[in-house]
Structures are given as structure tokens and as C-alpha cells.
Amino acid sequence: MPLKTLAKMTVHAAALGAALVLSGCGLDDIQLNGKIFDAVGMNNTGSVKKEAKMAERSPLVVPPGLDRLPEPGSAGAAQATAIPEIQDHDAKRQVSQADLEAKQEAYCKIHYEQAKAHGDNNADLAEGPMGPCRGSVMNVIKKVNGGSDGQ
């Protein structure tokens, strides 16, 4: 065998041996340390899992027994099944959003518009329950988009 071929085979054998040695390291052994990896969520060693915050659900409604059900088509069918009030959290959020908008408008009318009319220079700093009263590009964009904040 020529010396050149023997040298190539040695290099290939060394590369193959290095690949085999390095392949013994699994991905589970690698730890990514640093605040950037923590922020991205790539470093999960020693982290405590947080429980999701969810609104309290209304209790389950157990249907009555079959012996208590009225005959289909009878007049007492609507009165026999009493369903407790169902809590609609989305409807409450919409009502509270409408209340917030009304409070914001009332607050801004007093603390911003009237203060501006009287020449108060600090009126631009007035902030109601939904943010600053002073008009801005973001307020216009929210009104054009229907007031949605990504909810």
C-alpha cells in the first residue's frame, strides 16, 4: 500500500473514532446556564413549575333522576327542571370593560378636558383607569381596531 493511502485511512479512522467517542454524550447531559436561557425557557433545571391561574368555575349541575322528569310535551316541563344561574365570565369581562370605559370617560372629562380648558399645564399627566387621557396614536389604533387588546 502506498503511504498516501495509509495516511488517508489513518485520518478517516481517527475521525470515526472521535465521532464514536463524542456520540456517547447525549443531549440530556447538556445544561444551558444563563439568564437568557432561563428567560427563553431552555434551562429547566431547578425551575419550579407554576400553576396556571384560572377563574373559579361554577359547580357541576347534577341532573335529576329519571323518575322526577315530566312527560314530554306536558305543561310542567319548563317548571320541573330548575337550573341554577350559570356564571359567564366572558360576559362579566365585557360588562366590566364597558364600566371601565365609562369611568375613563368621566375621569378624563373632569381631570383632562376641564383642566385643559382652565389652562392647567399638568393636565397632560392625567391617567384614568384605562391609561392616559391625552390623545395618542395608540388610542386611535385601539378605537379603529374595536378596542381589542389581544384578548
N, C-alpha and C. Protein backbone atom coordinates (compact mmCIF):
# COMPACT_ATOMS: atom_id res chain seq x y z
N MET A 1 0.83 -1.18 0.00
CA MET A 1 0.00 0.00 0.00
C MET A 1 0.87 1.25 0.00
N PRO A 2 0.45 2.21 -0.78
CA PRO A 2 1.24 3.45 -0.77
C PRO A 2 1.03 4.20 0.54
N LEU A 3 1.99 5.01 0.86
CA LEU A 3 1.99 5.77 2.10
C LEU A 3 0.85 6.80 2.14
N LYS A 4 0.52 7.35 0.98
CA LYS A 4 -0.56 8.34 0.90
C LYS A 4 -1.91 7.71 1.27
N THR A 5 -2.19 6.52 0.78
CA THR A 5 -3.43 5.82 1.08
C THR A 5 -3.48 5.44 2.55
N LEU A 6 -2.36 5.03 3.11
CA LEU A 6 -2.30 4.68 4.52
C LEU A 6 -2.56 5.89 5.41
N ALA A 7 -2.06 7.05 4.99
CA ALA A 7 -2.29 8.28 5.75
C ALA A 7 -3.76 8.68 5.72
N LYS A 8 -4.41 8.52 4.53
CA LYS A 8 -5.84 8.85 4.42
C LYS A 8 -6.67 7.92 5.30
N MET A 9 -6.33 6.64 5.31
CA MET A 9 -7.07 5.68 6.13
C MET A 9 -6.90 5.99 7.62
N THR A 10 -5.73 6.44 8.01
CA THR A 10 -5.48 6.79 9.41
C THR A 10 -6.32 8.00 9.82
N VAL A 11 -6.38 8.99 8.93
CA VAL A 11 -7.18 10.19 9.21
C VAL A 11 -8.66 9.83 9.33
N HIS A 12 -9.14 8.98 8.41
CA HIS A 12 -10.54 8.56 8.45
C HIS A 12 -10.84 7.75 9.71
N ALA A 13 -9.91 6.88 10.10
CA ALA A 13 -10.10 6.08 11.30
C ALA A 13 -10.11 6.97 12.54
N ALA A 14 -9.27 7.99 12.56
CA ALA A 14 -9.25 8.91 13.70
C ALA A 14 -10.56 9.71 13.78
N ALA A 15 -11.05 10.15 12.63
CA ALA A 15 -12.32 10.89 12.61
C ALA A 15 -13.48 10.02 13.06
N LEU A 16 -13.48 8.76 12.60
CA LEU A 16 -14.52 7.83 13.00
C LEU A 16 -14.45 7.55 14.50
N GLY A 17 -13.24 7.39 15.01
CA GLY A 17 -13.08 7.15 16.46
C GLY A 17 -13.53 8.34 17.27
N ALA A 18 -13.20 9.55 16.81
CA ALA A 18 -13.64 10.76 17.52
C ALA A 18 -15.16 10.87 17.50
N ALA A 19 -15.77 10.53 16.36
CA ALA A 19 -17.23 10.59 16.26
C ALA A 19 -17.87 9.60 17.22
N LEU A 20 -17.31 8.42 17.33
CA LEU A 20 -17.86 7.42 18.25
C LEU A 20 -17.71 7.85 19.70
N VAL A 21 -16.58 8.45 20.04
CA VAL A 21 -16.37 8.91 21.42
C VAL A 21 -17.34 10.03 21.76
N LEU A 22 -17.49 10.98 20.84
CA LEU A 22 -18.37 12.11 21.10
C LEU A 22 -19.84 11.74 21.05
N SER A 23 -20.19 10.68 20.34
CA SER A 23 -21.60 10.29 20.27
C SER A 23 -22.08 9.68 21.58
N GLY A 24 -21.19 9.36 22.48
CA GLY A 24 -21.59 8.84 23.79
C GLY A 24 -22.25 9.91 24.64
N CYS A 25 -22.04 11.18 24.33
CA CYS A 25 -22.68 12.28 25.06
C CYS A 25 -24.08 12.46 24.52
N GLY A 26 -25.06 12.36 25.38
CA GLY A 26 -26.43 12.57 24.97
C GLY A 26 -26.84 14.02 25.17
N LEU A 27 -27.97 14.40 24.63
CA LEU A 27 -28.46 15.77 24.79
C LEU A 27 -28.97 16.03 26.21
N ASP A 28 -29.27 14.97 26.94
CA ASP A 28 -29.77 15.15 28.30
C ASP A 28 -28.70 15.65 29.25
N ASP A 29 -27.43 15.43 28.91
CA ASP A 29 -26.35 15.82 29.80
C ASP A 29 -25.97 17.29 29.65
N ILE A 30 -26.44 17.94 28.61
CA ILE A 30 -26.06 19.33 28.36
C ILE A 30 -26.95 20.26 29.18
N GLN A 31 -26.32 21.17 29.90
CA GLN A 31 -27.05 22.15 30.68
C GLN A 31 -26.75 23.53 30.12
N LEU A 32 -27.78 24.27 29.84
CA LEU A 32 -27.64 25.63 29.34
C LEU A 32 -27.85 26.58 30.51
N ASN A 33 -26.79 27.20 30.96
CA ASN A 33 -26.86 28.09 32.11
C ASN A 33 -26.80 29.53 31.64
N GLY A 34 -27.56 30.36 32.30
CA GLY A 34 -27.55 31.78 31.99
C GLY A 34 -28.96 32.34 32.03
N LYS A 35 -29.06 33.63 32.26
CA LYS A 35 -30.37 34.27 32.37
C LYS A 35 -31.11 34.29 31.05
N ILE A 36 -30.36 34.35 29.95
CA ILE A 36 -31.02 34.35 28.65
C ILE A 36 -31.72 33.03 28.41
N PHE A 37 -31.06 31.93 28.76
CA PHE A 37 -31.68 30.61 28.58
C PHE A 37 -32.86 30.43 29.54
N ASP A 38 -32.78 31.04 30.74
CA ASP A 38 -33.90 30.98 31.68
C ASP A 38 -35.10 31.74 31.12
N ALA A 39 -34.84 32.91 30.54
CA ALA A 39 -35.93 33.73 30.02
C ALA A 39 -36.61 33.06 28.83
N VAL A 40 -35.83 32.39 28.00
CA VAL A 40 -36.39 31.72 26.84
C VAL A 40 -37.09 30.43 27.24
N GLY A 41 -36.70 29.86 28.38
CA GLY A 41 -37.31 28.63 28.85
C GLY A 41 -36.54 27.39 28.45
N MET A 42 -35.31 27.58 28.04
CA MET A 42 -34.49 26.44 27.62
C MET A 42 -33.80 25.78 28.81
N ASN A 43 -33.61 26.48 29.89
CA ASN A 43 -32.96 25.92 31.07
C ASN A 43 -34.04 25.53 32.06
N ASN A 44 -34.31 24.25 32.17
CA ASN A 44 -35.37 23.80 33.05
C ASN A 44 -34.83 23.09 34.29
N THR A 45 -33.55 23.20 34.57
CA THR A 45 -33.00 22.57 35.76
C THR A 45 -33.27 23.45 36.96
N GLY A 46 -33.87 22.90 37.96
CA GLY A 46 -34.12 23.61 39.20
C GLY A 46 -35.26 24.61 39.11
N SER A 47 -36.01 24.61 38.02
CA SER A 47 -37.12 25.55 37.91
C SER A 47 -38.37 24.95 38.54
N VAL A 48 -39.18 25.80 39.10
CA VAL A 48 -40.41 25.38 39.74
C VAL A 48 -41.55 25.64 38.76
N LYS A 49 -42.35 24.64 38.50
CA LYS A 49 -43.48 24.79 37.60
C LYS A 49 -44.57 25.57 38.31
N LYS A 50 -45.07 26.62 37.64
CA LYS A 50 -46.14 27.43 38.20
C LYS A 50 -47.48 26.90 37.69
N GLU A 51 -48.47 26.94 38.57
CA GLU A 51 -49.80 26.51 38.16
C GLU A 51 -50.49 27.65 37.43
N ALA A 52 -51.26 27.30 36.44
CA ALA A 52 -51.98 28.32 35.67
C ALA A 52 -53.09 28.91 36.54
N LYS A 53 -53.26 30.23 36.44
CA LYS A 53 -54.32 30.90 37.19
C LYS A 53 -55.59 30.87 36.35
N MET A 54 -56.60 30.26 36.92
CA MET A 54 -57.87 30.15 36.19
C MET A 54 -58.99 30.67 37.07
N ALA A 55 -60.01 31.19 36.44
CA ALA A 55 -61.18 31.68 37.18
C ALA A 55 -61.93 30.50 37.78
N GLU A 56 -62.58 30.75 38.91
CA GLU A 56 -63.31 29.69 39.59
C GLU A 56 -64.52 29.31 38.75
N ARG A 57 -64.70 28.02 38.57
CA ARG A 57 -65.81 27.53 37.75
C ARG A 57 -67.07 27.39 38.59
N SER A 58 -68.19 27.50 37.92
CA SER A 58 -69.45 27.25 38.62
C SER A 58 -69.56 25.75 38.89
N PRO A 59 -70.25 25.39 39.97
CA PRO A 59 -70.32 23.97 40.31
C PRO A 59 -71.08 23.17 39.25
N LEU A 60 -70.78 21.87 39.20
CA LEU A 60 -71.46 21.00 38.25
C LEU A 60 -72.92 20.82 38.64
N VAL A 61 -73.76 20.74 37.63
CA VAL A 61 -75.19 20.56 37.86
C VAL A 61 -75.53 19.10 37.64
N VAL A 62 -76.02 18.47 38.67
CA VAL A 62 -76.39 17.06 38.58
C VAL A 62 -77.83 16.98 38.08
N PRO A 63 -78.08 16.24 37.02
CA PRO A 63 -79.45 16.15 36.52
C PRO A 63 -80.32 15.38 37.51
N PRO A 64 -81.60 15.68 37.52
CA PRO A 64 -82.49 14.96 38.43
C PRO A 64 -82.65 13.51 37.96
N GLY A 65 -83.15 12.67 38.84
CA GLY A 65 -83.37 11.27 38.50
C GLY A 65 -84.44 11.15 37.42
N LEU A 66 -84.46 10.04 36.72
CA LEU A 66 -85.43 9.84 35.64
C LEU A 66 -86.85 9.78 36.16
N ASP A 67 -87.03 9.40 37.43
CA ASP A 67 -88.38 9.32 37.98
C ASP A 67 -88.99 10.70 38.22
N ARG A 68 -88.15 11.74 38.31
CA ARG A 68 -88.66 13.09 38.57
C ARG A 68 -88.89 13.88 37.28
N LEU A 69 -88.50 13.36 36.14
CA LEU A 69 -88.67 14.08 34.89
C LEU A 69 -90.13 14.06 34.46
N PRO A 70 -90.65 15.19 33.97
CA PRO A 70 -92.04 15.22 33.49
C PRO A 70 -92.16 14.54 32.13
N GLU A 71 -93.36 14.20 31.77
CA GLU A 71 -93.62 13.60 30.47
C GLU A 71 -93.34 14.62 29.38
N PRO A 72 -92.77 14.19 28.25
CA PRO A 72 -92.52 15.13 27.16
C PRO A 72 -93.82 15.75 26.66
N GLY A 73 -93.79 17.06 26.46
CA GLY A 73 -94.96 17.78 25.95
C GLY A 73 -95.91 18.23 27.04
N SER A 74 -95.69 17.87 28.31
CA SER A 74 -96.58 18.31 29.37
C SER A 74 -96.30 19.76 29.71
N ALA A 75 -97.25 20.43 30.33
CA ALA A 75 -97.15 21.86 30.62
C ALA A 75 -96.13 22.14 31.71
N GLY A 76 -95.90 21.22 32.61
CA GLY A 76 -94.98 21.45 33.72
C GLY A 76 -93.53 21.15 33.39
N ALA A 77 -93.21 20.93 32.12
CA ALA A 77 -91.86 20.56 31.75
C ALA A 77 -90.87 21.69 32.03
N ALA A 78 -91.26 22.92 31.80
CA ALA A 78 -90.35 24.05 31.99
C ALA A 78 -90.14 24.34 33.47
N GLN A 79 -91.15 24.07 34.29
CA GLN A 79 -91.05 24.38 35.71
C GLN A 79 -90.33 23.30 36.50
N ALA A 80 -90.32 22.07 36.00
CA ALA A 80 -89.77 20.96 36.77
C ALA A 80 -88.25 21.00 36.85
N THR A 81 -87.60 21.46 35.81
CA THR A 81 -86.15 21.47 35.82
C THR A 81 -85.65 22.86 36.19
N ALA A 82 -85.18 22.99 37.39
CA ALA A 82 -84.64 24.27 37.87
C ALA A 82 -83.13 24.24 37.70
N ILE A 83 -82.61 25.09 36.83
CA ILE A 83 -81.18 25.15 36.58
C ILE A 83 -80.62 26.36 37.33
N PRO A 84 -79.59 26.14 38.14
CA PRO A 84 -79.00 27.28 38.83
C PRO A 84 -78.37 28.25 37.83
N GLU A 85 -78.20 29.48 38.24
CA GLU A 85 -77.66 30.52 37.36
C GLU A 85 -76.24 30.14 36.93
N ILE A 86 -76.00 30.20 35.65
CA ILE A 86 -74.69 29.88 35.10
C ILE A 86 -73.87 31.16 35.05
N GLN A 87 -72.64 31.08 35.53
CA GLN A 87 -71.77 32.25 35.54
C GLN A 87 -71.01 32.32 34.22
N ASP A 88 -71.18 33.40 33.51
CA ASP A 88 -70.48 33.61 32.25
C ASP A 88 -69.38 34.64 32.49
N HIS A 89 -68.15 34.14 32.60
CA HIS A 89 -67.03 35.02 32.92
C HIS A 89 -66.71 35.97 31.77
N ASP A 90 -66.95 35.54 30.53
CA ASP A 90 -66.71 36.42 29.39
C ASP A 90 -67.69 37.60 29.39
N ALA A 91 -68.94 37.33 29.74
CA ALA A 91 -69.92 38.42 29.80
C ALA A 91 -69.57 39.39 30.92
N LYS A 92 -69.09 38.88 32.04
CA LYS A 92 -68.67 39.76 33.13
C LYS A 92 -67.50 40.64 32.70
N ARG A 93 -66.57 40.06 31.94
CA ARG A 93 -65.41 40.81 31.47
C ARG A 93 -65.86 41.92 30.51
N GLN A 94 -66.84 41.63 29.65
CA GLN A 94 -67.33 42.65 28.72
C GLN A 94 -68.06 43.75 29.47
N VAL A 95 -68.84 43.40 30.48
CA VAL A 95 -69.52 44.40 31.28
C VAL A 95 -68.51 45.25 32.03
N SER A 96 -67.50 44.61 32.59
CA SER A 96 -66.50 45.37 33.32
C SER A 96 -65.70 46.25 32.37
N GLN A 97 -65.49 45.82 31.11
CA GLN A 97 -64.80 46.64 30.12
C GLN A 97 -65.64 47.88 29.81
N ALA A 98 -66.95 47.70 29.68
CA ALA A 98 -67.84 48.84 29.43
C ALA A 98 -67.82 49.80 30.63
N ASP A 99 -67.80 49.24 31.85
CA ASP A 99 -67.72 50.09 33.05
C ASP A 99 -66.41 50.86 33.09
N LEU A 100 -65.32 50.18 32.74
CA LEU A 100 -64.02 50.85 32.71
C LEU A 100 -63.99 51.99 31.71
N GLU A 101 -64.58 51.77 30.55
CA GLU A 101 -64.62 52.82 29.54
C GLU A 101 -65.44 54.01 30.02
N ALA A 102 -66.55 53.74 30.70
CA ALA A 102 -67.38 54.83 31.23
C ALA A 102 -66.63 55.59 32.32
N LYS A 103 -65.92 54.86 33.19
CA LYS A 103 -65.14 55.52 34.24
C LYS A 103 -64.01 56.34 33.64
N GLN A 104 -63.37 55.80 32.60
CA GLN A 104 -62.28 56.51 31.93
C GLN A 104 -62.80 57.82 31.32
N GLU A 105 -63.94 57.74 30.66
CA GLU A 105 -64.51 58.93 30.03
C GLU A 105 -64.88 59.99 31.07
N ALA A 106 -65.49 59.55 32.18
CA ALA A 106 -65.87 60.51 33.23
C ALA A 106 -64.63 61.13 33.88
N TYR A 107 -63.61 60.32 34.13
CA TYR A 107 -62.39 60.82 34.77
C TYR A 107 -61.69 61.82 33.85
N CYS A 108 -61.59 61.47 32.58
CA CYS A 108 -60.88 62.34 31.63
C CYS A 108 -61.64 63.64 31.38
N LYS A 109 -62.95 63.58 31.45
CA LYS A 109 -63.73 64.80 31.25
C LYS A 109 -63.43 65.81 32.35
N ILE A 110 -63.31 65.33 33.58
CA ILE A 110 -63.05 66.23 34.71
C ILE A 110 -61.58 66.61 34.79
N HIS A 111 -60.70 65.61 34.79
CA HIS A 111 -59.29 65.86 35.08
C HIS A 111 -58.46 66.26 33.87
N TYR A 112 -58.97 66.04 32.66
CA TYR A 112 -58.17 66.39 31.48
C TYR A 112 -58.81 67.53 30.70
N GLU A 113 -60.06 67.32 30.25
CA GLU A 113 -60.69 68.32 29.40
C GLU A 113 -60.95 69.62 30.13
N GLN A 114 -61.53 69.52 31.34
CA GLN A 114 -61.81 70.75 32.09
C GLN A 114 -60.52 71.41 32.57
N ALA A 115 -59.53 70.61 32.94
CA ALA A 115 -58.25 71.17 33.37
C ALA A 115 -57.55 71.86 32.21
N LYS A 116 -57.63 71.30 31.01
CA LYS A 116 -57.04 71.93 29.82
C LYS A 116 -57.76 73.25 29.52
N ALA A 117 -59.09 73.24 29.68
CA ALA A 117 -59.87 74.46 29.42
C ALA A 117 -59.50 75.57 30.39
N HIS A 118 -59.11 75.21 31.61
CA HIS A 118 -58.71 76.21 32.62
C HIS A 118 -57.23 76.57 32.50
N GLY A 119 -56.51 75.97 31.57
CA GLY A 119 -55.11 76.31 31.34
C GLY A 119 -54.13 75.57 32.23
N ASP A 120 -54.52 74.44 32.78
CA ASP A 120 -53.61 73.67 33.63
C ASP A 120 -52.59 72.93 32.76
N ASN A 121 -51.31 73.19 32.98
CA ASN A 121 -50.26 72.56 32.18
C ASN A 121 -50.02 71.10 32.57
N ASN A 122 -50.45 70.70 33.75
CA ASN A 122 -50.26 69.33 34.21
C ASN A 122 -51.41 68.41 33.80
N ALA A 123 -52.34 68.89 33.02
CA ALA A 123 -53.49 68.08 32.61
C ALA A 123 -53.06 66.92 31.71
N ASP A 124 -51.94 67.09 31.00
CA ASP A 124 -51.47 66.02 30.12
C ASP A 124 -51.03 64.79 30.91
N LEU A 125 -50.77 64.94 32.18
CA LEU A 125 -50.32 63.82 33.01
C LEU A 125 -51.46 63.01 33.60
N ALA A 126 -52.71 63.43 33.37
CA ALA A 126 -53.87 62.74 33.95
C ALA A 126 -54.00 61.34 33.36
N GLU A 127 -54.12 60.35 34.25
CA GLU A 127 -54.31 58.96 33.84
C GLU A 127 -55.52 58.38 34.54
N GLY A 128 -56.45 57.88 33.76
CA GLY A 128 -57.65 57.25 34.30
C GLY A 128 -57.44 55.77 34.51
N PRO A 129 -58.51 55.01 34.74
CA PRO A 129 -58.39 53.57 34.98
C PRO A 129 -57.88 52.78 33.77
N MET A 130 -58.01 53.33 32.58
CA MET A 130 -57.57 52.61 31.39
C MET A 130 -56.34 53.25 30.75
N GLY A 131 -55.70 54.18 31.45
CA GLY A 131 -54.49 54.77 30.90
C GLY A 131 -54.60 56.27 30.78
N PRO A 132 -53.66 56.87 30.05
CA PRO A 132 -53.63 58.32 29.95
C PRO A 132 -54.84 58.86 29.19
N CYS A 133 -55.27 60.06 29.59
CA CYS A 133 -56.43 60.71 28.95
C CYS A 133 -56.03 61.43 27.67
N ARG A 134 -54.80 61.86 27.60
CA ARG A 134 -54.32 62.61 26.44
C ARG A 134 -54.39 61.71 25.21
N GLY A 135 -54.84 62.26 24.10
CA GLY A 135 -54.96 61.50 22.87
C GLY A 135 -53.59 61.10 22.35
N SER A 136 -53.50 59.89 21.83
CA SER A 136 -52.24 59.41 21.25
C SER A 136 -52.55 58.51 20.07
N VAL A 137 -51.52 58.15 19.36
CA VAL A 137 -51.68 57.27 18.20
C VAL A 137 -52.22 55.92 18.64
N MET A 138 -51.75 55.42 19.79
CA MET A 138 -52.20 54.11 20.26
C MET A 138 -53.70 54.12 20.59
N ASN A 139 -54.20 55.22 21.14
CA ASN A 139 -55.64 55.31 21.43
C ASN A 139 -56.45 55.26 20.15
N VAL A 140 -55.98 55.93 19.11
CA VAL A 140 -56.68 55.92 17.83
C VAL A 140 -56.67 54.51 17.24
N ILE A 141 -55.54 53.83 17.32
CA ILE A 141 -55.44 52.47 16.78
C ILE A 141 -56.38 51.54 17.53
N LYS A 142 -56.47 51.68 18.84
CA LYS A 142 -57.37 50.83 19.62
C LYS A 142 -58.82 51.07 19.22
N LYS A 143 -59.19 52.34 18.99
CA LYS A 143 -60.57 52.63 18.59
C LYS A 143 -60.87 52.07 17.21
N VAL A 144 -59.91 52.17 16.28
CA VAL A 144 -60.11 51.66 14.93
C VAL A 144 -60.24 50.15 14.95
N ASN A 145 -59.46 49.48 15.78
CA ASN A 145 -59.49 48.01 15.85
C ASN A 145 -60.62 47.49 16.71
N GLY A 146 -61.44 48.32 17.23
CA GLY A 146 -62.57 47.87 18.04
C GLY A 146 -62.23 47.71 19.50
N GLY A 147 -61.14 48.30 19.94
CA GLY A 147 -60.78 48.27 21.36
C GLY A 147 -60.21 46.96 21.83
N SER A 148 -59.80 46.07 20.92
CA SER A 148 -59.27 44.78 21.36
C SER A 148 -57.81 44.93 21.74
N ASP A 149 -57.45 44.37 22.90
CA ASP A 149 -56.07 44.39 23.40
C ASP A 149 -55.46 43.02 23.26
N GLY A 150 -55.85 42.23 22.31
CA GLY A 150 -55.31 40.88 22.15
C GLY A 150 -55.97 39.88 23.07
N GLN A 151 -57.19 40.16 23.51
CA GLN A 151 -57.88 39.26 24.42
C GLN A 151 -58.64 38.23 23.65
